[in-house]
Amino acid sequence: MTDAPAARPDDWPDPNDRTCDDCGHVWFAGERRHEYATFEAARPEEADVVCVLCRRQRERPRADDERWSGWEPQSP
């Protein structure tokens, strides 16, 4: 199994046509782009659309995330 991101279905509209669901950012030429957060929704209207900054924030591990349990910073 590969960890490659799922491709947007061809019949889904451009996510830049919607505002960011997290921060309300409105895309225009030259601005940060919008992406579908997941492709698990049956229809594009049900899928989350986020700007790249909010997507990065969603993907950032949290202190209480089990992936980071027991992790300690290394001393210099």
C-alpha atoms as a PDB file:
ATOM      1  CA  MET A   1       0.000   0.000   0.000  1.00  0.00           C
ATOM      2  CA  THR A   2       1.295   3.460  -0.839  1.00  0.00           C
ATOM      3  CA  ASP A   3       1.036   6.658   1.190  1.00  0.00           C
ATOM      4  CA  ALA A   4       0.480   8.782  -1.912  1.00  0.00           C
ATOM      5  CA  PRO A   5      -2.350  11.293  -1.507  1.00  0.00           C
ATOM      6  CA  ALA A   6      -5.636  10.414  -3.149  1.00  0.00           C
ATOM      7  CA  ALA A   7      -6.290  12.140  -6.444  1.00  0.00           C
ATOM      8  CA  ARG A   8      -9.251  14.479  -6.759  1.00  0.00           C
ATOM      9  CA  PRO A   9     -12.029  12.897  -8.785  1.00  0.00           C
ATOM     10  CA  ASP A  10     -12.176  14.494 -12.232  1.00  0.00           C
ATOM     11  CA  ASP A  11     -15.790  15.583 -11.884  1.00  0.00           C
ATOM     12  CA  TRP A  12     -15.224  17.535  -8.643  1.00  0.00           C
ATOM     13  CA  PRO A  13     -15.059  21.330  -9.003  1.00  0.00           C
ATOM     14  CA  ASP A  14     -11.907  23.316  -8.377  1.00  0.00           C
ATOM     15  CA  PRO A  15     -11.516  23.804  -4.591  1.00  0.00           C
ATOM     16  CA  ASN A  16     -10.361  27.383  -5.201  1.00  0.00           C
ATOM     17  CA  ASP A  17     -13.997  28.197  -6.026  1.00  0.00           C
ATOM     18  CA  ARG A  18     -14.924  27.691  -2.346  1.00  0.00           C
ATOM     19  CA  THR A  19     -13.818  29.487   0.807  1.00  0.00           C
ATOM     20  CA  CYS A  20     -11.593  27.768   3.350  1.00  0.00           C
ATOM     21  CA  ASP A  21     -13.788  25.861   5.828  1.00  0.00           C
ATOM     22  CA  ASP A  22     -11.403  26.605   8.717  1.00  0.00           C
ATOM     23  CA  CYS A  23     -10.465  30.287   8.351  1.00  0.00           C
ATOM     24  CA  GLY A  24     -12.838  31.635   5.665  1.00  0.00           C
ATOM     25  CA  HIS A  25     -10.019  32.623   3.299  1.00  0.00           C
ATOM     26  CA  VAL A  26     -11.266  33.520  -0.192  1.00  0.00           C
ATOM     27  CA  TRP A  27      -8.927  32.534  -3.020  1.00  0.00           C
ATOM     28  CA  PHE A  28      -7.912  34.882  -5.826  1.00  0.00           C
ATOM     29  CA  ALA A  29      -5.051  34.723  -8.334  1.00  0.00           C
ATOM     30  CA  GLY A  30      -1.673  34.941  -6.630  1.00  0.00           C
ATOM     31  CA  GLU A  31      -3.022  33.882  -3.228  1.00  0.00           C
ATOM     32  CA  ARG A  32      -2.506  30.610  -1.392  1.00  0.00           C
ATOM     33  CA  ARG A  33      -4.472  27.813  -3.004  1.00  0.00           C
ATOM     34  CA  HIS A  34      -7.287  25.734  -1.570  1.00  0.00           C
ATOM     35  CA  GLU A  35      -7.359  21.928  -1.443  1.00  0.00           C
ATOM     36  CA  TYR A  36      -9.843  19.249  -0.555  1.00  0.00           C
ATOM     37  CA  ALA A  37      -8.878  18.004   2.909  1.00  0.00           C
ATOM     38  CA  THR A  38     -10.076  14.466   2.135  1.00  0.00           C
ATOM     39  CA  PHE A  39     -11.772  12.627  -0.682  1.00  0.00           C
ATOM     40  CA  GLU A  40     -13.844  10.363   1.563  1.00  0.00           C
ATOM     41  CA  ALA A  41     -17.033  12.369   1.035  1.00  0.00           C
ATOM     42  CA  ALA A  42     -19.542  11.039  -1.456  1.00  0.00           C
ATOM     43  CA  ARG A  43     -20.046  14.478  -3.011  1.00  0.00           C
ATOM     44  CA  PRO A  44     -17.746  17.497  -3.299  1.00  0.00           C
ATOM     45  CA  GLU A  45     -20.249  19.692  -1.424  1.00  0.00           C
ATOM     46  CA  GLU A  46     -19.734  17.475   1.645  1.00  0.00           C
ATOM     47  CA  ALA A  47     -15.925  17.544   1.490  1.00  0.00           C
ATOM     48  CA  ASP A  48     -13.861  19.959   3.562  1.00  0.00           C
ATOM     49  CA  VAL A  49     -11.946  22.569   1.580  1.00  0.00           C
ATOM     50  CA  VAL A  50      -9.018  24.234   3.322  1.00  0.00           C
ATOM     51  CA  CYS A  51      -6.294  26.670   2.334  1.00  0.00           C
ATOM     52  CA  VAL A  52      -2.730  25.358   2.436  1.00  0.00           C
ATOM     53  CA  LEU A  53      -2.024  27.124   5.750  1.00  0.00           C
ATOM     54  CA  CYS A  54      -5.015  25.507   7.448  1.00  0.00           C
ATOM     55  CA  ARG A  55      -4.154  22.140   5.921  1.00  0.00           C
ATOM     56  CA  ARG A  56      -0.672  22.393   7.399  1.00  0.00           C
ATOM     57  CA  GLN A  57      -2.228  23.300  10.754  1.00  0.00           C
ATOM     58  CA  ARG A  58      -4.537  20.260  10.564  1.00  0.00           C
ATOM     59  CA  GLU A  59      -1.594  17.975   9.814  1.00  0.00           C
ATOM     60  CA  ARG A  60       0.607  19.346  12.607  1.00  0.00           C
ATOM     61  CA  PRO A  61       0.950  16.802  15.419  1.00  0.00           C
ATOM     62  CA  ARG A  62      -0.570  17.844  18.702  1.00  0.00           C
ATOM     63  CA  ALA A  63       1.077  17.421  22.102  1.00  0.00           C
ATOM     64  CA  ASP A  64      -1.552  14.842  23.041  1.00  0.00           C
ATOM     65  CA  ASP A  65      -1.152  12.919  19.774  1.00  0.00           C
ATOM     66  CA  GLU A  66      -0.274   9.284  20.414  1.00  0.00           C
ATOM     67  CA  ARG A  67       2.428   9.453  17.713  1.00  0.00           C
ATOM     68  CA  TRP A  68       4.314  11.808  19.988  1.00  0.00           C
ATOM     69  CA  SER A  69       3.741  10.067  23.312  1.00  0.00           C
ATOM     70  CA  GLY A  70       7.062   9.438  25.000  1.00  0.00           C
ATOM     71  CA  TRP A  71       8.884  11.804  22.676  1.00  0.00           C
ATOM     72  CA  GLU A  72      11.483  13.974  24.361  1.00  0.00           C
ATOM     73  CA  PRO A  73      13.414  16.795  22.698  1.00  0.00           C
ATOM     74  CA  GLN A  74      17.134  16.159  22.284  1.00  0.00           C
ATOM     75  CA  SER A  75      19.488  18.438  24.143  1.00  0.00           C
ATOM     76  CA  PRO A  76      22.065  20.314  22.030  1.00  0.00           C
END
